[in-house]
mmCIF file of all heavy atoms, coordinates in Angstrom:
data_MODEL
# 
_entry.id   MODEL 
# 
loop_
_atom_site.group_PDB 
_atom_site.id 
_atom_site.type_symbol 
_atom_site.label_atom_id 
_atom_site.label_alt_id 
_atom_site.label_comp_id 
_atom_site.label_asym_id 
_atom_site.label_entity_id 
_atom_site.label_seq_id 
_atom_site.pdbx_PDB_ins_code 
_atom_site.Cartn_x 
_atom_site.Cartn_y 
_atom_site.Cartn_z 
_atom_site.occupancy 
_atom_site.B_iso_or_equiv 
_atom_site.pdbx_formal_charge 
_atom_site.auth_seq_id 
_atom_site.auth_comp_id 
_atom_site.auth_asym_id 
_atom_site.auth_atom_id 
_atom_site.pdbx_PDB_model_num 
ATOM 1   N N   . LYS A 1 1  ? 39.867 2.837   103.811 1.00 0.00 ? 1  LYS A N   1 
ATOM 2   C CA  . LYS A 1 1  ? 40.461 3.240   102.524 1.00 0.00 ? 1  LYS A CA  1 
ATOM 3   C C   . LYS A 1 1  ? 39.482 3.204   101.387 1.00 0.00 ? 1  LYS A C   1 
ATOM 4   O O   . LYS A 1 1  ? 39.856 3.373   100.252 1.00 0.00 ? 1  LYS A O   1 
ATOM 5   C CB  . LYS A 1 1  ? 41.688 2.404   102.212 1.00 0.00 ? 1  LYS A CB  1 
ATOM 6   C CG  . LYS A 1 1  ? 42.815 2.501   103.203 1.00 0.00 ? 1  LYS A CG  1 
ATOM 7   C CD  . LYS A 1 1  ? 44.023 1.646   102.773 1.00 0.00 ? 1  LYS A CD  1 
ATOM 8   C CE  . LYS A 1 1  ? 45.163 1.811   103.779 1.00 0.00 ? 1  LYS A CE  1 
ATOM 9   N NZ  . LYS A 1 1  ? 46.314 0.964   103.363 1.00 0.00 ? 1  LYS A NZ  1 
ATOM 10  N N   . GLY A 1 2  ? 38.191 2.971   101.665 1.00 0.00 ? 2  GLY A N   1 
ATOM 11  C CA  . GLY A 1 2  ? 37.253 2.863   100.583 1.00 0.00 ? 2  GLY A CA  1 
ATOM 12  C C   . GLY A 1 2  ? 37.643 1.758   99.635  1.00 0.00 ? 2  GLY A C   1 
ATOM 13  O O   . GLY A 1 2  ? 37.858 2.006   98.425  1.00 0.00 ? 2  GLY A O   1 
ATOM 14  N N   . ASP A 1 3  ? 37.748 0.526   100.129 1.00 0.00 ? 3  ASP A N   1 
ATOM 15  C CA  . ASP A 1 3  ? 38.280 -0.616  99.346  1.00 0.00 ? 3  ASP A CA  1 
ATOM 16  C C   . ASP A 1 3  ? 37.246 -1.062  98.297  1.00 0.00 ? 3  ASP A C   1 
ATOM 17  O O   . ASP A 1 3  ? 36.419 -1.960  98.574  1.00 0.00 ? 3  ASP A O   1 
ATOM 18  C CB  . ASP A 1 3  ? 38.632 -1.728  100.285 1.00 0.00 ? 3  ASP A CB  1 
ATOM 19  C CG  . ASP A 1 3  ? 39.469 -2.803  99.631  1.00 0.00 ? 3  ASP A CG  1 
ATOM 20  O OD1 . ASP A 1 3  ? 39.480 -2.910  98.379  1.00 0.00 ? 3  ASP A OD1 1 
ATOM 21  O OD2 . ASP A 1 3  ? 40.166 -3.565  100.362 1.00 0.00 ? 3  ASP A OD2 1 
ATOM 22  N N   . ASN A 1 4  ? 37.325 -0.526  97.118  1.00 0.00 ? 4  ASN A N   1 
ATOM 23  C CA  . ASN A 1 4  ? 36.353 -0.815  96.059  1.00 0.00 ? 4  ASN A CA  1 
ATOM 24  C C   . ASN A 1 4  ? 36.462 -2.275  95.616  1.00 0.00 ? 4  ASN A C   1 
ATOM 25  O O   . ASN A 1 4  ? 35.457 -2.906  95.263  1.00 0.00 ? 4  ASN A O   1 
ATOM 26  C CB  . ASN A 1 4  ? 36.539 0.080   94.858  1.00 0.00 ? 4  ASN A CB  1 
ATOM 27  C CG  . ASN A 1 4  ? 36.092 1.547   95.136  1.00 0.00 ? 4  ASN A CG  1 
ATOM 28  O OD1 . ASN A 1 4  ? 35.238 1.714   95.976  1.00 0.00 ? 4  ASN A OD1 1 
ATOM 29  N ND2 . ASN A 1 4  ? 36.734 2.488   94.498  1.00 0.00 ? 4  ASN A ND2 1 
ATOM 30  N N   . ALA A 1 5  ? 37.678 -2.817  95.597  1.00 0.00 ? 5  ALA A N   1 
ATOM 31  C CA  . ALA A 1 5  ? 37.840 -4.242  95.148  1.00 0.00 ? 5  ALA A CA  1 
ATOM 32  C C   . ALA A 1 5  ? 37.064 -5.159  96.083  1.00 0.00 ? 5  ALA A C   1 
ATOM 33  O O   . ALA A 1 5  ? 36.417 -6.121  95.610  1.00 0.00 ? 5  ALA A O   1 
ATOM 34  C CB  . ALA A 1 5  ? 39.322 -4.604  95.137  1.00 0.00 ? 5  ALA A CB  1 
ATOM 35  N N   . ALA A 1 6  ? 37.118 -4.952  97.398  1.00 0.00 ? 6  ALA A N   1 
ATOM 36  C CA  . ALA A 1 6  ? 36.435 -5.774  98.354  1.00 0.00 ? 6  ALA A CA  1 
ATOM 37  C C   . ALA A 1 6  ? 34.932 -5.622  98.239  1.00 0.00 ? 6  ALA A C   1 
ATOM 38  O O   . ALA A 1 6  ? 34.153 -6.611  98.317  1.00 0.00 ? 6  ALA A O   1 
ATOM 39  C CB  . ALA A 1 6  ? 36.889 -5.469  99.776  1.00 0.00 ? 6  ALA A CB  1 
ATOM 40  N N   . ILE A 1 7  ? 34.502 -4.374  98.051  1.00 0.00 ? 7  ILE A N   1 
ATOM 41  C CA  . ILE A 1 7  ? 33.056 -4.081  97.896  1.00 0.00 ? 7  ILE A CA  1 
ATOM 42  C C   . ILE A 1 7  ? 32.543 -4.795  96.662  1.00 0.00 ? 7  ILE A C   1 
ATOM 43  O O   . ILE A 1 7  ? 31.488 -5.420  96.698  1.00 0.00 ? 7  ILE A O   1 
ATOM 44  C CB  . ILE A 1 7  ? 32.812 -2.576  97.804  1.00 0.00 ? 7  ILE A CB  1 
ATOM 45  C CG1 . ILE A 1 7  ? 33.170 -1.854  99.108  1.00 0.00 ? 7  ILE A CG1 1 
ATOM 46  C CG2 . ILE A 1 7  ? 31.375 -2.280  97.462  1.00 0.00 ? 7  ILE A CG2 1 
ATOM 47  C CD1 . ILE A 1 7  ? 32.281 -2.201  100.322 1.00 0.00 ? 7  ILE A CD1 1 
ATOM 48  N N   . GLU A 1 8  ? 33.246 -4.647  95.564  1.00 0.00 ? 8  GLU A N   1 
ATOM 49  C CA  . GLU A 1 8  ? 32.817 -5.273  94.309  1.00 0.00 ? 8  GLU A CA  1 
ATOM 50  C C   . GLU A 1 8  ? 32.859 -6.804  94.387  1.00 0.00 ? 8  GLU A C   1 
ATOM 51  O O   . GLU A 1 8  ? 31.979 -7.450  93.840  1.00 0.00 ? 8  GLU A O   1 
ATOM 52  C CB  . GLU A 1 8  ? 33.736 -4.796  93.144  1.00 0.00 ? 8  GLU A CB  1 
ATOM 53  C CG  . GLU A 1 8  ? 33.464 -3.331  92.818  1.00 0.00 ? 8  GLU A CG  1 
ATOM 54  C CD  . GLU A 1 8  ? 34.477 -2.789  91.816  1.00 0.00 ? 8  GLU A CD  1 
ATOM 55  O OE1 . GLU A 1 8  ? 35.344 -3.567  91.309  1.00 0.00 ? 8  GLU A OE1 1 
ATOM 56  O OE2 . GLU A 1 8  ? 34.429 -1.570  91.491  1.00 0.00 ? 8  GLU A OE2 1 
ATOM 57  N N   . TYR A 1 9  ? 33.834 -7.352  95.130  1.00 0.00 ? 9  TYR A N   1 
ATOM 58  C CA  . TYR A 1 9  ? 33.883 -8.779  95.341  1.00 0.00 ? 9  TYR A CA  1 
ATOM 59  C C   . TYR A 1 9  ? 32.679 -9.241  96.177  1.00 0.00 ? 9  TYR A C   1 
ATOM 60  O O   . TYR A 1 9  ? 32.059 -10.297 95.875  1.00 0.00 ? 9  TYR A O   1 
ATOM 61  C CB  . TYR A 1 9  ? 35.174 -9.204  96.036  1.00 0.00 ? 9  TYR A CB  1 
ATOM 62  C CG  . TYR A 1 9  ? 35.351 -10.666 96.168  1.00 0.00 ? 9  TYR A CG  1 
ATOM 63  C CD1 . TYR A 1 9  ? 35.680 -11.474 95.067  1.00 0.00 ? 9  TYR A CD1 1 
ATOM 64  C CD2 . TYR A 1 9  ? 35.194 -11.323 97.411  1.00 0.00 ? 9  TYR A CD2 1 
ATOM 65  C CE1 . TYR A 1 9  ? 35.873 -12.801 95.170  1.00 0.00 ? 9  TYR A CE1 1 
ATOM 66  C CE2 . TYR A 1 9  ? 35.409 -12.695 97.507  1.00 0.00 ? 9  TYR A CE2 1 
ATOM 67  C CZ  . TYR A 1 9  ? 35.738 -13.410 96.383  1.00 0.00 ? 9  TYR A CZ  1 
ATOM 68  O OH  . TYR A 1 9  ? 35.943 -14.792 96.472  1.00 0.00 ? 9  TYR A OH  1 
ATOM 69  N N   . GLY A 1 10 ? 32.289 -8.483  97.150  1.00 0.00 ? 10 GLY A N   1 
ATOM 70  C CA  . GLY A 1 10 ? 31.094 -8.800  97.952  1.00 0.00 ? 10 GLY A CA  1 
ATOM 71  C C   . GLY A 1 10 ? 29.870 -8.860  97.091  1.00 0.00 ? 10 GLY A C   1 
ATOM 72  O O   . GLY A 1 10 ? 28.991 -9.689  97.177  1.00 0.00 ? 10 GLY A O   1 
ATOM 73  N N   . GLU A 1 11 ? 29.768 -7.858  96.145  1.00 0.00 ? 11 GLU A N   1 
ATOM 74  C CA  . GLU A 1 11 ? 28.648 -7.843  95.228  1.00 0.00 ? 11 GLU A CA  1 
ATOM 75  C C   . GLU A 1 11 ? 28.672 -9.073  94.320  1.00 0.00 ? 11 GLU A C   1 
ATOM 76  O O   . GLU A 1 11 ? 27.597 -9.645  94.062  1.00 0.00 ? 11 GLU A O   1 
ATOM 77  C CB  . GLU A 1 11 ? 28.725 -6.553  94.379  1.00 0.00 ? 11 GLU A CB  1 
ATOM 78  C CG  . GLU A 1 11 ? 28.503 -5.263  95.172  1.00 0.00 ? 11 GLU A CG  1 
ATOM 79  C CD  . GLU A 1 11 ? 28.735 -4.040  94.363  1.00 0.00 ? 11 GLU A CD  1 
ATOM 80  O OE1 . GLU A 1 11 ? 28.875 -4.157  93.120  1.00 0.00 ? 11 GLU A OE1 1 
ATOM 81  O OE2 . GLU A 1 11 ? 28.827 -2.953  94.938  1.00 0.00 ? 11 GLU A OE2 1 
ATOM 82  N N   . LYS A 1 12 ? 29.874 -9.477  93.899  1.00 0.00 ? 12 LYS A N   1 
ATOM 83  C CA  . LYS A 1 12 ? 29.992 -10.655 93.035  1.00 0.00 ? 12 LYS A CA  1 
ATOM 84  C C   . LYS A 1 12 ? 29.519 -11.899 93.801  1.00 0.00 ? 12 LYS A C   1 
ATOM 85  O O   . LYS A 1 12 ? 28.775 -12.762 93.202  1.00 0.00 ? 12 LYS A O   1 
ATOM 86  C CB  . LYS A 1 12 ? 31.458 -10.841 92.614  1.00 0.00 ? 12 LYS A CB  1 
ATOM 87  C CG  . LYS A 1 12 ? 31.677 -11.968 91.608  1.00 0.00 ? 12 LYS A CG  1 
ATOM 88  C CD  . LYS A 1 12 ? 33.199 -12.236 91.439  1.00 0.00 ? 12 LYS A CD  1 
ATOM 89  C CE  . LYS A 1 12 ? 33.921 -11.025 90.873  1.00 0.00 ? 12 LYS A CE  1 
ATOM 90  N NZ  . LYS A 1 12 ? 33.648 -10.837 89.418  1.00 0.00 ? 12 LYS A NZ  1 
ATOM 91  N N   . ILE A 1 13 ? 29.913 -12.020 95.054  1.00 0.00 ? 13 ILE A N   1 
ATOM 92  C CA  . ILE A 1 13 ? 29.488 -13.200 95.887  1.00 0.00 ? 13 ILE A CA  1 
ATOM 93  C C   . ILE A 1 13 ? 27.960 -13.286 95.848  1.00 0.00 ? 13 ILE A C   1 
ATOM 94  O O   . ILE A 1 13 ? 27.376 -14.366 95.611  1.00 0.00 ? 13 ILE A O   1 
ATOM 95  C CB  . ILE A 1 13 ? 30.016 -13.019 97.313  1.00 0.00 ? 13 ILE A CB  1 
ATOM 96  C CG1 . ILE A 1 13 ? 31.496 -13.236 97.352  1.00 0.00 ? 13 ILE A CG1 1 
ATOM 97  C CG2 . ILE A 1 13 ? 29.306 -13.990 98.252  1.00 0.00 ? 13 ILE A CG2 1 
ATOM 98  C CD1 . ILE A 1 13 ? 32.134 -12.792 98.674  1.00 0.00 ? 13 ILE A CD1 1 
ATOM 99  N N   . ILE A 1 14 ? 27.283 -12.187 96.166  1.00 0.00 ? 14 ILE A N   1 
ATOM 100 C CA  . ILE A 1 14 ? 25.812 -12.208 96.263  1.00 0.00 ? 14 ILE A CA  1 
ATOM 101 C C   . ILE A 1 14 ? 25.181 -12.443 94.908  1.00 0.00 ? 14 ILE A C   1 
ATOM 102 O O   . ILE A 1 14 ? 24.219 -13.215 94.799  1.00 0.00 ? 14 ILE A O   1 
ATOM 103 C CB  . ILE A 1 14 ? 25.338 -10.876 96.889  1.00 0.00 ? 14 ILE A CB  1 
ATOM 104 C CG1 . ILE A 1 14 ? 25.887 -10.789 98.356  1.00 0.00 ? 14 ILE A CG1 1 
ATOM 105 C CG2 . ILE A 1 14 ? 23.817 -10.790 96.932  1.00 0.00 ? 14 ILE A CG2 1 
ATOM 106 C CD1 . ILE A 1 14 ? 25.846 -9.384  98.902  1.00 0.00 ? 14 ILE A CD1 1 
ATOM 107 N N   . ASN A 1 15 ? 25.666 -11.771 93.918  1.00 0.00 ? 15 ASN A N   1 
ATOM 108 C CA  . ASN A 1 15 ? 25.026 -11.912 92.574  1.00 0.00 ? 15 ASN A CA  1 
ATOM 109 C C   . ASN A 1 15 ? 25.220 -13.286 91.977  1.00 0.00 ? 15 ASN A C   1 
ATOM 110 O O   . ASN A 1 15 ? 24.427 -13.694 91.104  1.00 0.00 ? 15 ASN A O   1 
ATOM 111 C CB  . ASN A 1 15 ? 25.630 -10.850 91.638  1.00 0.00 ? 15 ASN A CB  1 
ATOM 112 C CG  . ASN A 1 15 ? 25.076 -9.437  91.903  1.00 0.00 ? 15 ASN A CG  1 
ATOM 113 O OD1 . ASN A 1 15 ? 23.955 -9.267  92.380  1.00 0.00 ? 15 ASN A OD1 1 
ATOM 114 N ND2 . ASN A 1 15 ? 25.918 -8.432  91.669  1.00 0.00 ? 15 ASN A ND2 1 
ATOM 115 N N   . GLU A 1 16 ? 26.215 -14.015 92.475  1.00 0.00 ? 16 GLU A N   1 
ATOM 116 C CA  . GLU A 1 16 ? 26.421 -15.389 92.006  1.00 0.00 ? 16 GLU A CA  1 
ATOM 117 C C   . GLU A 1 16 ? 25.679 -16.411 92.852  1.00 0.00 ? 16 GLU A C   1 
ATOM 118 O O   . GLU A 1 16 ? 25.860 -17.633 92.657  1.00 0.00 ? 16 GLU A O   1 
ATOM 119 C CB  . GLU A 1 16 ? 27.888 -15.732 91.931  1.00 0.00 ? 16 GLU A CB  1 
ATOM 120 C CG  . GLU A 1 16 ? 28.637 -14.968 90.847  1.00 0.00 ? 16 GLU A CG  1 
ATOM 121 C CD  . GLU A 1 16 ? 30.102 -15.371 90.670  1.00 0.00 ? 16 GLU A CD  1 
ATOM 122 O OE1 . GLU A 1 16 ? 30.473 -16.413 91.261  1.00 0.00 ? 16 GLU A OE1 1 
ATOM 123 O OE2 . GLU A 1 16 ? 30.827 -14.696 89.934  1.00 0.00 ? 16 GLU A OE2 1 
ATOM 124 N N   . GLY A 1 17 ? 24.867 -15.926 93.768  1.00 0.00 ? 17 GLY A N   1 
ATOM 125 C CA  . GLY A 1 17 ? 24.012 -16.833 94.570  1.00 0.00 ? 17 GLY A CA  1 
ATOM 126 C C   . GLY A 1 17 ? 24.591 -17.354 95.866  1.00 0.00 ? 17 GLY A C   1 
ATOM 127 O O   . GLY A 1 17 ? 24.010 -18.243 96.514  1.00 0.00 ? 17 GLY A O   1 
ATOM 128 N N   . HIS A 1 18 ? 25.705 -16.768 96.305  1.00 0.00 ? 18 HIS A N   1 
ATOM 129 C CA  . HIS A 1 18 ? 26.292 -17.125 97.568  1.00 0.00 ? 18 HIS A CA  1 
ATOM 130 C C   . HIS A 1 18 ? 25.836 -16.172 98.653  1.00 0.00 ? 18 HIS A C   1 
ATOM 131 O O   . HIS A 1 18 ? 25.104 -15.207 98.400  1.00 0.00 ? 18 HIS A O   1 
ATOM 132 C CB  . HIS A 1 18 ? 27.808 -17.120 97.487  1.00 0.00 ? 18 HIS A CB  1 
ATOM 133 C CG  . HIS A 1 18 ? 28.355 -17.941 96.345  1.00 0.00 ? 18 HIS A CG  1 
ATOM 134 N ND1 . HIS A 1 18 ? 28.231 -19.295 96.240  1.00 0.00 ? 18 HIS A ND1 1 
ATOM 135 C CD2 . HIS A 1 18 ? 28.961 -17.515 95.148  1.00 0.00 ? 18 HIS A CD2 1 
ATOM 136 C CE1 . HIS A 1 18 ? 28.777 -19.688 95.119  1.00 0.00 ? 18 HIS A CE1 1 
ATOM 137 N NE2 . HIS A 1 18 ? 29.221 -18.653 94.420  1.00 0.00 ? 18 HIS A NE2 1 
ATOM 138 N N   . VAL A 1 19 ? 26.274 -16.419 99.890  1.00 0.00 ? 19 VAL A N   1 
ATOM 139 C CA  . VAL A 1 19 ? 25.883 -15.573 101.018 1.00 0.00 ? 19 VAL A CA  1 
ATOM 140 C C   . VAL A 1 19 ? 27.127 -14.898 101.603 1.00 0.00 ? 19 VAL A C   1 
ATOM 141 O O   . VAL A 1 19 ? 28.070 -15.578 101.949 1.00 0.00 ? 19 VAL A O   1 
ATOM 142 C CB  . VAL A 1 19 ? 25.148 -16.356 102.112 1.00 0.00 ? 19 VAL A CB  1 
ATOM 143 C CG1 . VAL A 1 19 ? 24.769 -15.444 103.294 1.00 0.00 ? 19 VAL A CG1 1 
ATOM 144 C CG2 . VAL A 1 19 ? 23.914 -17.002 101.574 1.00 0.00 ? 19 VAL A CG2 1 
ATOM 145 N N   . MET A 1 20 ? 27.115 -13.601 101.716 1.00 0.00 ? 20 MET A N   1 
ATOM 146 C CA  . MET A 1 20 ? 28.197 -12.852 102.280 1.00 0.00 ? 20 MET A CA  1 
ATOM 147 C C   . MET A 1 20 ? 27.861 -12.468 103.742 1.00 0.00 ? 20 MET A C   1 
ATOM 148 O O   . MET A 1 20 ? 26.717 -12.270 104.080 1.00 0.00 ? 20 MET A O   1 
ATOM 149 C CB  . MET A 1 20 ? 28.411 -11.596 101.481 1.00 0.00 ? 20 MET A CB  1 
ATOM 150 C CG  . MET A 1 20 ? 29.544 -10.713 102.005 1.00 0.00 ? 20 MET A CG  1 
ATOM 151 S SD  . MET A 1 20 ? 29.519 -9.103  101.180 1.00 0.00 ? 20 MET A SD  1 
ATOM 152 C CE  . MET A 1 20 ? 30.030 -8.084  102.565 1.00 0.00 ? 20 MET A CE  1 
ATOM 153 N N   . ALA A 1 21 ? 28.912 -12.451 104.551 1.00 0.00 ? 21 ALA A N   1 
ATOM 154 C CA  . ALA A 1 21 ? 28.751 -12.037 105.951 1.00 0.00 ? 21 ALA A CA  1 
ATOM 155 C C   . ALA A 1 21 ? 29.677 -10.868 106.252 1.00 0.00 ? 21 ALA A C   1 
ATOM 156 O O   . ALA A 1 21 ? 30.776 -10.786 105.747 1.00 0.00 ? 21 ALA A O   1 
ATOM 157 C CB  . ALA A 1 21 ? 29.038 -13.161 106.918 1.00 0.00 ? 21 ALA A CB  1 
ATOM 158 N N   . ILE A 1 22 ? 29.150 -9.942  107.058 1.00 0.00 ? 22 ILE A N   1 
ATOM 159 C CA  . ILE A 1 22 ? 29.929 -8.726  107.364 1.00 0.00 ? 22 ILE A CA  1 
ATOM 160 C C   . ILE A 1 22 ? 29.636 -8.276  108.790 1.00 0.00 ? 22 ILE A C   1 
ATOM 161 O O   . ILE A 1 22 ? 28.531 -8.490  109.310 1.00 0.00 ? 22 ILE A O   1 
ATOM 162 C CB  . ILE A 1 22 ? 29.581 -7.605  106.338 1.00 0.00 ? 22 ILE A CB  1 
ATOM 163 C CG1 . ILE A 1 22 ? 30.447 -6.380  106.554 1.00 0.00 ? 22 ILE A CG1 1 
ATOM 164 C CG2 . ILE A 1 22 ? 28.113 -7.271  106.384 1.00 0.00 ? 22 ILE A CG2 1 
ATOM 165 C CD1 . ILE A 1 22 ? 30.266 -5.311  105.461 1.00 0.00 ? 22 ILE A CD1 1 
ATOM 166 N N   . CYS A 1 23 ? 30.603 -7.652  109.421 1.00 0.00 ? 23 CYS A N   1 
ATOM 167 C CA  . CYS A 1 23 ? 30.377 -6.998  110.722 1.00 0.00 ? 23 CYS A CA  1 
ATOM 168 C C   . CYS A 1 23 ? 30.230 -5.526  110.361 1.00 0.00 ? 23 CYS A C   1 
ATOM 169 O O   . CYS A 1 23 ? 31.218 -4.843  110.093 1.00 0.00 ? 23 CYS A O   1 
ATOM 170 C CB  . CYS A 1 23 ? 31.590 -7.208  111.639 1.00 0.00 ? 23 CYS A CB  1 
ATOM 171 S SG  . CYS A 1 23 ? 31.791 -8.921  112.198 1.00 0.00 ? 23 CYS A SG  1 
ATOM 172 N N   . PRO A 1 24 ? 28.987 -4.989  110.464 1.00 0.00 ? 24 PRO A N   1 
ATOM 173 C CA  . PRO A 1 24 ? 28.747 -3.604  110.053 1.00 0.00 ? 24 PRO A CA  1 
ATOM 174 C C   . PRO A 1 24 ? 29.575 -2.563  110.854 1.00 0.00 ? 24 PRO A C   1 
ATOM 175 O O   . PRO A 1 24 ? 29.884 -1.492  110.298 1.00 0.00 ? 24 PRO A O   1 
ATOM 176 C CB  . PRO A 1 24 ? 27.279 -3.391  110.297 1.00 0.00 ? 24 PRO A CB  1 
ATOM 177 C CG  . PRO A 1 24 ? 26.725 -4.802  110.191 1.00 0.00 ? 24 PRO A CG  1 
ATOM 178 C CD  . PRO A 1 24 ? 27.774 -5.680  110.788 1.00 0.00 ? 24 PRO A CD  1 
ATOM 179 N N   . GLU A 1 25 ? 29.953 -2.870  112.055 1.00 0.00 ? 25 GLU A N   1 
ATOM 180 C CA  . GLU A 1 25 ? 30.710 -1.930  112.873 1.00 0.00 ? 25 GLU A CA  1 
ATOM 181 C C   . GLU A 1 25 ? 32.088 -1.682  112.348 1.00 0.00 ? 25 GLU A C   1 
ATOM 182 O O   . GLU A 1 25 ? 32.757 -0.682  112.625 1.00 0.00 ? 25 GLU A O   1 
ATOM 183 C CB  . GLU A 1 25 ? 30.815 -2.435  114.303 1.00 0.00 ? 25 GLU A CB  1 
ATOM 184 C CG  . GLU A 1 25 ? 29.460 -2.548  115.030 1.00 0.00 ? 25 GLU A CG  1 
ATOM 185 C CD  . GLU A 1 25 ? 29.419 -3.729  115.998 1.00 0.00 ? 25 GLU A CD  1 
ATOM 186 O OE1 . GLU A 1 25 ? 29.696 -4.831  115.552 1.00 0.00 ? 25 GLU A OE1 1 
ATOM 187 O OE2 . GLU A 1 25 ? 29.155 -3.498  117.184 1.00 0.00 ? 25 GLU A OE2 1 
ATOM 188 N N   . GLY A 1 26 ? 32.618 -2.684  111.596 1.00 0.00 ? 26 GLY A N   1 
ATOM 189 C CA  . GLY A 1 26 ? 33.950 -2.544  110.998 1.00 0.00 ? 26 GLY A CA  1 
ATOM 190 C C   . GLY A 1 26 ? 35.060 -2.988  111.947 1.00 0.00 ? 26 GLY A C   1 
ATOM 191 O O   . GLY A 1 26 ? 36.072 -3.555  111.472 1.00 0.00 ? 26 GLY A O   1 
ATOM 192 N N   . ARG A 1 27 ? 34.949 -2.721  113.191 1.00 0.00 ? 27 ARG A N   1 
ATOM 193 C CA  . ARG A 1 27 ? 35.953 -3.097  114.182 1.00 0.00 ? 27 ARG A CA  1 
ATOM 194 C C   . ARG A 1 27 ? 35.346 -3.797  115.331 1.00 0.00 ? 27 ARG A C   1 
ATOM 195 O O   . ARG A 1 27 ? 34.156 -3.685  115.585 1.00 0.00 ? 27 ARG A O   1 
ATOM 196 C CB  . ARG A 1 27 ? 36.678 -1.845  114.717 1.00 0.00 ? 27 ARG A CB  1 
ATOM 197 C CG  . ARG A 1 27 ? 37.473 -1.103  113.616 1.00 0.00 ? 27 ARG A CG  1 
ATOM 198 C CD  . ARG A 1 27 ? 38.143 0.139   114.182 1.00 0.00 ? 27 ARG A CD  1 
ATOM 199 N NE  . ARG A 1 27 ? 38.893 0.875   113.210 1.00 0.00 ? 27 ARG A NE  1 
ATOM 200 C CZ  . ARG A 1 27 ? 40.170 0.616   112.846 1.00 0.00 ? 27 ARG A CZ  1 
ATOM 201 N NH1 . ARG A 1 27 ? 40.822 -0.310  113.500 1.00 0.00 ? 27 ARG A NH1 1 
ATOM 202 N NH2 . ARG A 1 27 ? 40.777 1.301   111.917 1.00 0.00 ? 27 ARG A NH2 1 
ATOM 203 N N   . ARG A 1 28 ? 36.158 -4.562  116.057 1.00 0.00 ? 28 ARG A N   1 
ATOM 204 C CA  . ARG A 1 28 ? 35.688 -5.269  117.243 1.00 0.00 ? 28 ARG A CA  1 
ATOM 205 C C   . ARG A 1 28 ? 35.186 -4.287  118.279 1.00 0.00 ? 28 ARG A C   1 
ATOM 206 O O   . ARG A 1 28 ? 35.822 -3.239  118.528 1.00 0.00 ? 28 ARG A O   1 
ATOM 207 C CB  . ARG A 1 28 ? 36.786 -6.134  117.793 1.00 0.00 ? 28 ARG A CB  1 
ATOM 208 C CG  . ARG A 1 28 ? 36.314 -7.141  118.829 1.00 0.00 ? 28 ARG A CG  1 
ATOM 209 C CD  . ARG A 1 28 ? 37.463 -8.029  119.282 1.00 0.00 ? 28 ARG A CD  1 
ATOM 210 N NE  . ARG A 1 28 ? 38.105 -8.732  118.121 1.00 0.00 ? 28 ARG A NE  1 
ATOM 211 C CZ  . ARG A 1 28 ? 39.114 -9.554  118.264 1.00 0.00 ? 28 ARG A CZ  1 
ATOM 212 N NH1 . ARG A 1 28 ? 39.662 -9.766  119.470 1.00 0.00 ? 28 ARG A NH1 1 
ATOM 213 N NH2 . ARG A 1 28 ? 39.618 -10.173 117.190 1.00 0.00 ? 28 ARG A NH2 1 
# 
């Protein structure tokens, strides 16, 4: 759905000095 809120939150995590983890494939 192009979840901008989640994308922007991920950016916030990184910009505040934390580490974000993601599964690039999106699905199992």
